[in-house]
PDB file of N, CA and C in Angstrom:
ATOM      1  N   MET A   1      15.981  -9.547   0.241  1.00  0.00           N
ATOM      2  CA  MET A   1      14.809  -8.831  -0.225  1.00  0.00           C
ATOM      3  C   MET A   1      13.933  -8.463   0.967  1.00  0.00           C
ATOM      4  N   TYR A   2      13.421  -7.264   0.959  1.00  0.00           N
ATOM      5  CA  TYR A   2      12.673  -6.776   2.103  1.00  0.00           C
ATOM      6  C   TYR A   2      11.250  -7.318   2.162  1.00  0.00           C
ATOM      7  N   LEU A   3      10.727  -7.822   1.059  1.00  0.00           N
ATOM      8  CA  LEU A   3       9.332  -8.269   1.016  1.00  0.00           C
ATOM      9  C   LEU A   3       9.288  -9.716   0.541  1.00  0.00           C
ATOM     10  N   ASN A   4       9.355 -10.640   1.476  1.00  0.00           N
ATOM     11  CA  ASN A   4       9.311 -12.050   1.113  1.00  0.00           C
ATOM     12  C   ASN A   4       7.861 -12.531   1.032  1.00  0.00           C
ATOM     13  N   PRO A   5       7.633 -13.701   0.462  1.00  0.00           N
ATOM     14  CA  PRO A   5       6.256 -14.194   0.305  1.00  0.00           C
ATOM     15  C   PRO A   5       5.506 -14.346   1.629  1.00  0.00           C
ATOM     16  N   ALA A   6       6.208 -14.664   2.695  1.00  0.00           N
ATOM     17  CA  ALA A   6       5.537 -14.798   3.987  1.00  0.00           C
ATOM     18  C   ALA A   6       4.990 -13.456   4.467  1.00  0.00           C
ATOM     19  N   LYS A   7       5.754 -12.386   4.253  1.00  0.00           N
ATOM     20  CA  LYS A   7       5.300 -11.053   4.646  1.00  0.00           C
ATOM     21  C   LYS A   7       4.091 -10.626   3.809  1.00  0.00           C
ATOM     22  N   LYS A   8       4.118 -10.960   2.504  1.00  0.00           N
ATOM     23  CA  LYS A   8       2.973 -10.643   1.646  1.00  0.00           C
ATOM     24  C   LYS A   8       1.718 -11.362   2.129  1.00  0.00           C
ATOM     25  N   GLU A   9       1.853 -12.655   2.463  1.00  0.00           N
ATOM     26  CA  GLU A   9       0.692 -13.404   2.942  1.00  0.00           C
ATOM     27  C   GLU A   9       0.163 -12.823   4.245  1.00  0.00           C
ATOM     28  N   GLU A  10       1.071 -12.340   5.085  1.00  0.00           N
ATOM     29  CA  GLU A  10       0.649 -11.715   6.340  1.00  0.00           C
ATOM     30  C   GLU A  10      -0.165 -10.443   6.071  1.00  0.00           C
ATOM     31  N   ILE A  11       0.312  -9.625   5.148  1.00  0.00           N
ATOM     32  CA  ILE A  11      -0.408  -8.395   4.796  1.00  0.00           C
ATOM     33  C   ILE A  11      -1.758  -8.721   4.176  1.00  0.00           C
ATOM     34  N   PHE A  12      -1.782  -9.690   3.256  1.00  0.00           N
ATOM     35  CA  PHE A  12      -3.042 -10.058   2.606  1.00  0.00           C
ATOM     36  C   PHE A  12      -4.009 -10.684   3.604  1.00  0.00           C
ATOM     37  N   GLY A  13      -3.498 -11.450   4.547  1.00  0.00           N
ATOM     38  CA  GLY A  13      -4.362 -12.059   5.556  1.00  0.00           C
ATOM     39  C   GLY A  13      -4.954 -11.034   6.494  1.00  0.00           C
ATOM     40  N   GLN A  14      -4.185  -9.997   6.804  1.00  0.00           N
ATOM     41  CA  GLN A  14      -4.655  -8.974   7.733  1.00  0.00           C
ATOM     42  C   GLN A  14      -5.685  -8.051   7.100  1.00  0.00           C
ATOM     43  N   TYR A  15      -5.487  -7.674   5.846  1.00  0.00           N
ATOM     44  CA  TYR A  15      -6.357  -6.678   5.213  1.00  0.00           C
ATOM     45  C   TYR A  15      -7.297  -7.256   4.164  1.00  0.00           C
ATOM     46  N   GLY A  16      -7.017  -8.458   3.668  1.00  0.00           N
ATOM     47  CA  GLY A  16      -7.880  -9.066   2.666  1.00  0.00           C
ATOM     48  C   GLY A  16      -8.814 -10.081   3.292  1.00  0.00           C
ATOM     49  N   ALA A  17      -9.475 -10.853   2.453  1.00  0.00           N
ATOM     50  CA  ALA A  17     -10.406 -11.863   2.943  1.00  0.00           C
ATOM     51  C   ALA A  17      -9.647 -13.070   3.515  1.00  0.00           C
ATOM     52  N   ASN A  18      -8.514 -13.424   2.884  1.00  0.00           N
ATOM     53  CA  ASN A  18      -7.682 -14.527   3.366  1.00  0.00           C
ATOM     54  C   ASN A  18      -6.241 -14.282   2.922  1.00  0.00           C
ATOM     55  N   ASN A  19      -5.363 -15.261   3.177  1.00  0.00           N
ATOM     56  CA  ASN A  19      -3.940 -15.089   2.853  1.00  0.00           C
ATOM     57  C   ASN A  19      -3.665 -15.017   1.357  1.00  0.00           C
ATOM     58  N   LYS A  20      -4.537 -15.571   0.557  1.00  0.00           N
ATOM     59  CA  LYS A  20      -4.334 -15.594  -0.899  1.00  0.00           C
ATOM     60  C   LYS A  20      -5.120 -14.507  -1.625  1.00  0.00           C
ATOM     61  N   ASP A  21      -5.745 -13.609  -0.897  1.00  0.00           N
ATOM     62  CA  ASP A  21      -6.578 -12.557  -1.484  1.00  0.00           C
ATOM     63  C   ASP A  21      -5.687 -11.411  -1.964  1.00  0.00           C
ATOM     64  N   THR A  22      -5.180 -11.545  -3.184  1.00  0.00           N
ATOM     65  CA  THR A  22      -4.273 -10.533  -3.720  1.00  0.00           C
ATOM     66  C   THR A  22      -4.997  -9.509  -4.580  1.00  0.00           C
ATOM     67  N   GLY A  23      -6.252  -9.732  -4.893  1.00  0.00           N
ATOM     68  CA  GLY A  23      -6.941  -8.882  -5.841  1.00  0.00           C
ATOM     69  C   GLY A  23      -7.798  -7.796  -5.244  1.00  0.00           C
ATOM     70  N   SER A  24      -8.135  -7.908  -3.973  1.00  0.00           N
ATOM     71  CA  SER A  24      -9.029  -6.902  -3.391  1.00  0.00           C
ATOM     72  C   SER A  24      -8.296  -5.571  -3.260  1.00  0.00           C
ATOM     73  N   ALA A  25      -9.066  -4.519  -3.332  1.00  0.00           N
ATOM     74  CA  ALA A  25      -8.476  -3.174  -3.259  1.00  0.00           C
ATOM     75  C   ALA A  25      -7.801  -2.947  -1.914  1.00  0.00           C
ATOM     76  N   GLU A  26      -8.400  -3.447  -0.842  1.00  0.00           N
ATOM     77  CA  GLU A  26      -7.834  -3.244   0.489  1.00  0.00           C
ATOM     78  C   GLU A  26      -6.455  -3.887   0.620  1.00  0.00           C
ATOM     79  N   SER A  27      -6.320  -5.110   0.128  1.00  0.00           N
ATOM     80  CA  SER A  27      -5.032  -5.791   0.240  1.00  0.00           C
ATOM     81  C   SER A  27      -3.975  -5.118  -0.629  1.00  0.00           C
ATOM     82  N   GLN A  28      -4.351  -4.641  -1.808  1.00  0.00           N
ATOM     83  CA  GLN A  28      -3.390  -3.949  -2.660  1.00  0.00           C
ATOM     84  C   GLN A  28      -2.968  -2.618  -2.056  1.00  0.00           C
ATOM     85  N   ILE A  29      -3.912  -1.896  -1.457  1.00  0.00           N
ATOM     86  CA  ILE A  29      -3.591  -0.622  -0.808  1.00  0.00           C
ATOM     87  C   ILE A  29      -2.651  -0.863   0.367  1.00  0.00           C
ATOM     88  N   ALA A  30      -2.902  -1.912   1.129  1.00  0.00           N
ATOM     89  CA  ALA A  30      -2.039  -2.234   2.271  1.00  0.00           C
ATOM     90  C   ALA A  30      -0.626  -2.597   1.803  1.00  0.00           C
ATOM     91  N   LEU A  31      -0.531  -3.359   0.730  1.00  0.00           N
ATOM     92  CA  LEU A  31       0.783  -3.727   0.199  1.00  0.00           C
ATOM     93  C   LEU A  31       1.515  -2.497  -0.325  1.00  0.00           C
ATOM     94  N   PHE A  32       0.822  -1.633  -1.041  1.00  0.00           N
ATOM     95  CA  PHE A  32       1.448  -0.393  -1.532  1.00  0.00           C
ATOM     96  C   PHE A  32       1.915   0.474  -0.365  1.00  0.00           C
ATOM     97  N   SER A  33       1.113   0.529   0.695  1.00  0.00           N
ATOM     98  CA  SER A  33       1.491   1.339   1.853  1.00  0.00           C
ATOM     99  C   SER A  33       2.749   0.793   2.517  1.00  0.00           C
ATOM    100  N   TYR A  34       2.861  -0.518   2.610  1.00  0.00           N
ATOM    101  CA  TYR A  34       4.063  -1.128   3.186  1.00  0.00           C
ATOM    102  C   TYR A  34       5.279  -0.795   2.324  1.00  0.00           C
ATOM    103  N   ARG A  35       5.131  -0.929   1.013  1.00  0.00           N
ATOM    104  CA  ARG A  35       6.249  -0.635   0.107  1.00  0.00           C
ATOM    105  C   ARG A  35       6.611   0.851   0.144  1.00  0.00           C
ATOM    106  N   ILE A  36       5.613   1.720   0.237  1.00  0.00           N
ATOM    107  CA  ILE A  36       5.865   3.162   0.299  1.00  0.00           C
ATOM    108  C   ILE A  36       6.659   3.504   1.552  1.00  0.00           C
ATOM    109  N   SER A  37       6.295   2.920   2.676  1.00  0.00           N
ATOM    110  CA  SER A  37       7.033   3.212   3.912  1.00  0.00           C
ATOM    111  C   SER A  37       8.463   2.707   3.829  1.00  0.00           C
ATOM    112  N   HIS A  38       8.659   1.547   3.197  1.00  0.00           N
ATOM    113  CA  HIS A  38      10.018   1.024   3.034  1.00  0.00           C
ATOM    114  C   HIS A  38      10.855   1.940   2.127  1.00  0.00           C
ATOM    115  N   LEU A  39      10.293   2.369   1.008  1.00  0.00           N
ATOM    116  CA  LEU A  39      11.031   3.234   0.093  1.00  0.00           C
ATOM    117  C   LEU A  39      11.291   4.611   0.697  1.00  0.00           C
ATOM    118  N   THR A  40      10.383   5.085   1.519  1.00  0.00           N
ATOM    119  CA  THR A  40      10.587   6.371   2.174  1.00  0.00           C
ATOM    120  C   THR A  40      11.782   6.308   3.115  1.00  0.00           C
ATOM    121  N   GLU A  41      11.885   5.220   3.873  1.00  0.00           N
ATOM    122  CA  GLU A  41      13.039   5.054   4.764  1.00  0.00           C
ATOM    123  C   GLU A  41      14.336   4.947   3.962  1.00  0.00           C
ATOM    124  N   HIS A  42      14.288   4.259   2.832  1.00  0.00           N
ATOM    125  CA  HIS A  42      15.470   4.134   1.973  1.00  0.00           C
ATOM    126  C   HIS A  42      15.903   5.506   1.453  1.00  0.00           C
ATOM    127  N   LEU A  43      14.943   6.320   1.046  1.00  0.00           N
ATOM    128  CA  LEU A  43      15.273   7.632   0.486  1.00  0.00           C
ATOM    129  C   LEU A  43      15.773   8.618   1.540  1.00  0.00           C
ATOM    130  N   LYS A  44      15.416   8.401   2.797  1.00  0.00           N
ATOM    131  CA  LYS A  44      15.955   9.255   3.851  1.00  0.00           C
ATOM    132  C   LYS A  44      17.462   9.081   3.977  1.00  0.00           C
ATOM    133  N   LYS A  45      17.941   7.863   3.724  1.00  0.00           N
ATOM    134  CA  LYS A  45      19.374   7.590   3.803  1.00  0.00           C
ATOM    135  C   LYS A  45      20.085   7.847   2.481  1.00  0.00           C
ATOM    136  N   ASN A  46      19.382   7.637   1.365  1.00  0.00           N
ATOM    137  CA  ASN A  46      19.977   7.739   0.034  1.00  0.00           C
ATOM    138  C   ASN A  46      19.204   8.762  -0.785  1.00  0.00           C
ATOM    139  N   HIS A  47      19.406  10.027  -0.491  1.00  0.00           N
ATOM    140  CA  HIS A  47      18.585  11.067  -1.107  1.00  0.00           C
ATOM    141  C   HIS A  47      18.886  11.293  -2.585  1.00  0.00           C
ATOM    142  N   LYS A  48      19.982  10.756  -3.089  1.00  0.00           N
ATOM    143  CA  LYS A  48      20.289  10.931  -4.514  1.00  0.00           C
ATOM    144  C   LYS A  48      19.833   9.759  -5.377  1.00  0.00           C
ATOM    145  N   ASP A  49      19.111   8.841  -4.819  1.00  0.00           N
ATOM    146  CA  ASP A  49      18.621   7.675  -5.547  1.00  0.00           C
ATOM    147  C   ASP A  49      17.341   8.066  -6.296  1.00  0.00           C
ATOM    148  N   PHE A  50      17.530   8.566  -7.500  1.00  0.00           N
ATOM    149  CA  PHE A  50      16.407   9.125  -8.252  1.00  0.00           C
ATOM    150  C   PHE A  50      15.475   8.053  -8.812  1.00  0.00           C
ATOM    151  N   ARG A  51      15.980   6.876  -9.096  1.00  0.00           N
ATOM    152  CA  ARG A  51      15.106   5.799  -9.580  1.00  0.00           C
ATOM    153  C   ARG A  51      14.132   5.363  -8.497  1.00  0.00           C
ATOM    154  N   THR A  52      14.612   5.277  -7.281  1.00  0.00           N
ATOM    155  CA  THR A  52      13.731   4.924  -6.176  1.00  0.00           C
ATOM    156  C   THR A  52      12.715   6.031  -5.924  1.00  0.00           C
ATOM    157  N   ALA A  53      13.132   7.271  -6.082  1.00  0.00           N
ATOM    158  CA  ALA A  53      12.207   8.392  -5.913  1.00  0.00           C
ATOM    159  C   ALA A  53      11.095   8.323  -6.949  1.00  0.00           C
ATOM    160  N   ARG A  54      11.446   7.965  -8.162  1.00  0.00           N
ATOM    161  CA  ARG A  54      10.430   7.843  -9.200  1.00  0.00           C
ATOM    162  C   ARG A  54       9.496   6.667  -8.916  1.00  0.00           C
ATOM    163  N   ALA A  55      10.052   5.558  -8.450  1.00  0.00           N
ATOM    164  CA  ALA A  55       9.226   4.399  -8.097  1.00  0.00           C
ATOM    165  C   ALA A  55       8.279   4.746  -6.951  1.00  0.00           C
ATOM    166  N   LEU A  56       8.766   5.526  -5.993  1.00  0.00           N
ATOM    167  CA  LEU A  56       7.932   5.944  -4.876  1.00  0.00           C
ATOM    168  C   LEU A  56       6.778   6.818  -5.358  1.00  0.00           C
ATOM    169  N   THR A  57       7.056   7.738  -6.248  1.00  0.00           N
ATOM    170  CA  THR A  57       6.009   8.590  -6.808  1.00  0.00           C
ATOM    171  C   THR A  57       4.965   7.759  -7.545  1.00  0.00           C
ATOM    172  N   SER A  58       5.431   6.766  -8.280  1.00  0.00           N
ATOM    173  CA  SER A  58       4.527   5.885  -9.013  1.00  0.00           C
ATOM    174  C   SER A  58       3.635   5.094  -8.057  1.00  0.00           C
ATOM    175  N   LEU A  59       4.218   4.575  -6.978  1.00  0.00           N
ATOM    176  CA  LEU A  59       3.441   3.809  -6.010  1.00  0.00           C
ATOM    177  C   LEU A  59       2.403   4.667  -5.306  1.00  0.00           C
ATOM    178  N   VAL A  60       2.770   5.886  -4.976  1.00  0.00           N
ATOM    179  CA  VAL A  60       1.820   6.790  -4.327  1.00  0.00           C
ATOM    180  C   VAL A  60       0.644   7.065  -5.271  1.00  0.00           C
ATOM    181  N   GLY A  61       0.919   7.238  -6.551  1.00  0.00           N
ATOM    182  CA  GLY A  61      -0.149   7.453  -7.531  1.00  0.00           C
ATOM    183  C   GLY A  61      -1.053   6.248  -7.676  1.00  0.00           C
ATOM    184  N   LYS A  62      -0.471   5.047  -7.672  1.00  0.00           N
ATOM    185  CA  LYS A  62      -1.277   3.830  -7.769  1.00  0.00           C
ATOM    186  C   LYS A  62      -2.166   3.658  -6.540  1.00  0.00           C
ATOM    187  N   ARG A  63      -1.591   3.931  -5.371  1.00  0.00           N
ATOM    188  CA  ARG A  63      -2.385   3.819  -4.148  1.00  0.00           C
ATOM    189  C   ARG A  63      -3.515   4.836  -4.145  1.00  0.00           C
ATOM    190  N   ARG A  64      -3.234   6.060  -4.593  1.00  0.00           N
ATOM    191  CA  ARG A  64      -4.265   7.096  -4.641  1.00  0.00           C
ATOM    192  C   ARG A  64      -5.386   6.689  -5.599  1.00  0.00           C
ATOM    193  N   ALA A  65      -5.025   6.093  -6.737  1.00  0.00           N
ATOM    194  CA  ALA A  65      -6.038   5.656  -7.698  1.00  0.00           C
ATOM    195  C   ALA A  65      -6.923   4.562  -7.095  1.00  0.00           C
ATOM    196  N   LEU A  66      -6.321   3.628  -6.381  1.00  0.00           N
ATOM    197  CA  LEU A  66      -7.115   2.578  -5.740  1.00  0.00           C
ATOM    198  C   LEU A  66      -8.009   3.156  -4.641  1.00  0.00           C
ATOM    199  N   LEU A  67      -7.487   4.119  -3.892  1.00  0.00           N
ATOM    200  CA  LEU A  67      -8.305   4.751  -2.857  1.00  0.00           C
ATOM    201  C   LEU A  67      -9.473   5.518  -3.473  1.00  0.00           C
ATOM    202  N   ASP A  68      -9.236   6.195  -4.582  1.00  0.00           N
ATOM    203  CA  ASP A  68     -10.327   6.894  -5.272  1.00  0.00           C
ATOM    204  C   ASP A  68     -11.386   5.921  -5.764  1.00  0.00           C
ATOM    205  N   TYR A  69     -10.929   4.777  -6.308  1.00  0.00           N
ATOM    206  CA  TYR A  69     -11.846   3.742  -6.776  1.00  0.00           C
ATOM    207  C   TYR A  69     -12.704   3.237  -5.622  1.00  0.00           C
ATOM    208  N   LEU A  70     -12.059   2.952  -4.503  1.00  0.00           N
ATOM    209  CA  LEU A  70     -12.771   2.437  -3.344  1.00  0.00           C
ATOM    210  C   LEU A  70     -13.734   3.484  -2.783  1.00  0.00           C
ATOM    211  N   TYR A  71     -13.352   4.743  -2.825  1.00  0.00           N
ATOM    212  CA  TYR A  71     -14.211   5.828  -2.357  1.00  0.00           C
ATOM    213  C   TYR A  71     -15.493   5.905  -3.193  1.00  0.00           C
ATOM    214  N   GLU A  72     -15.355   5.729  -4.508  1.00  0.00           N
ATOM    215  CA  GLU A  72     -16.518   5.800  -5.392  1.00  0.00           C
ATOM    216  C   GLU A  72     -17.417   4.580  -5.243  1.00  0.00           C
ATOM    217  N   ARG A  73     -16.828   3.405  -5.016  1.00  0.00           N
ATOM    218  CA  ARG A  73     -17.602   2.158  -4.977  1.00  0.00           C
ATOM    219  C   ARG A  73     -18.260   1.903  -3.626  1.00  0.00           C
ATOM    220  N   ASP A  74     -17.477   2.041  -2.545  1.00  0.00           N
ATOM    221  CA  ASP A  74     -17.997   1.698  -1.222  1.00  0.00           C
ATOM    222  C   ASP A  74     -17.308   2.561  -0.177  1.00  0.00           C
ATOM    223  N   ILE A  75     -17.981   3.587   0.292  1.00  0.00           N
ATOM    224  CA  ILE A  75     -17.393   4.557   1.214  1.00  0.00           C
ATOM    225  C   ILE A  75     -17.041   3.921   2.553  1.00  0.00           C
ATOM    226  N   ASN A  76     -17.796   2.914   2.985  1.00  0.00           N
ATOM    227  CA  ASN A  76     -17.514   2.271   4.272  1.00  0.00           C
ATOM    228  C   ASN A  76     -16.203   1.483   4.235  1.00  0.00           C
ATOM    229  N   ARG A  77     -15.964   0.772   3.148  1.00  0.00           N
ATOM    230  CA  ARG A  77     -14.685   0.054   2.996  1.00  0.00           C
ATOM    231  C   ARG A  77     -13.536   1.040   2.912  1.00  0.00           C
ATOM    232  N   TYR A  78     -13.758   2.164   2.233  1.00  0.00           N
ATOM    233  CA  TYR A  78     -12.732   3.213   2.124  1.00  0.00           C
ATOM    234  C   TYR A  78     -12.371   3.753   3.504  1.00  0.00           C
ATOM    235  N   ARG A  79     -13.372   4.080   4.291  1.00  0.00           N
ATOM    236  CA  ARG A  79     -13.118   4.622   5.625  1.00  0.00           C
ATOM    237  C   ARG A  79     -12.429   3.598   6.520  1.00  0.00           C
ATOM    238  N   ALA A  80     -12.798   2.325   6.363  1.00  0.00           N
ATOM    239  CA  ALA A  80     -12.191   1.275   7.186  1.00  0.00           C
ATOM    240  C   ALA A  80     -10.705   1.108   6.868  1.00  0.00           C
ATOM    241  N   ILE A  81     -10.338   1.119   5.593  1.00  0.00           N
ATOM    242  CA  ILE A  81      -8.928   0.920   5.232  1.00  0.00           C
ATOM    243  C   ILE A  81      -8.103   2.150   5.582  1.00  0.00           C
ATOM    244  N   ILE A  82      -8.679   3.329   5.469  1.00  0.00           N
ATOM    245  CA  ILE A  82      -7.971   4.552   5.859  1.00  0.00           C
ATOM    246  C   ILE A  82      -7.667   4.525   7.357  1.00  0.00           C
ATOM    247  N   LYS A  83      -8.659   4.105   8.137  1.00  0.00           N
ATOM    248  CA  LYS A  83      -8.477   4.046   9.590  1.00  0.00           C
ATOM    249  C   LYS A  83      -7.484   2.953   9.974  1.00  0.00           C
ATOM    250  N   ALA A  84      -7.569   1.802   9.316  1.00  0.00           N
ATOM    251  CA  ALA A  84      -6.684   0.683   9.649  1.00  0.00           C
ATOM    252  C   ALA A  84      -5.230   0.986   9.340  1.00  0.00           C
ATOM    253  N   LEU A  85      -4.986   1.690   8.235  1.00  0.00           N
ATOM    254  CA  LEU A  85      -3.605   1.992   7.828  1.00  0.00           C
ATOM    255  C   LEU A  85      -3.095   3.287   8.415  1.00  0.00           C
ATOM    256  N   GLY A  86      -3.998   4.083   8.958  1.00  0.00           N
ATOM    257  CA  GLY A  86      -3.569   5.351   9.540  1.00  0.00           C
ATOM    258  C   GLY A  86      -3.197   6.403   8.507  1.00  0.00           C
ATOM    259  N   LEU A  87      -3.855   6.356   7.363  1.00  0.00           N
ATOM    260  CA  LEU A  87      -3.626   7.359   6.329  1.00  0.00           C
ATOM    261  C   LEU A  87      -4.403   8.616   6.691  1.00  0.00           C
ATOM    262  N   ARG A  88      -3.946   9.729   6.212  1.00  0.00           N
ATOM    263  CA  ARG A  88      -4.514  11.004   6.625  1.00  0.00           C
ATOM    264  C   ARG A  88      -5.921  11.237   6.133  1.00  0.00           C
ATOM    265  N   LYS A  89      -6.178  10.898   4.870  1.00  0.00           N
ATOM    266  CA  LYS A  89      -7.461  11.250   4.293  1.00  0.00           C
ATOM    267  C   LYS A  89      -8.475  10.144   4.402  1.00  0.00           C
TER     268      LYS A  89
END
């Protein structure tokens, strides 16, 4: 499996308040971004994998919804996570 519990704790520790902070928007956005990059690499090699393509589309939508939520609630946190992850917007 590409995403073991140790990797999740590392992502949550880097972007959340602590290693167990799974609920904050920043940690969820970071986890979605990691999964999106993994699925994108998979689809480059396996372009006919339509289930993965659908899962990727779903993840991008979930991340966008969380980013919109964060934009409405706290613009400074939104700008910080965009800069930290290197997202375009």
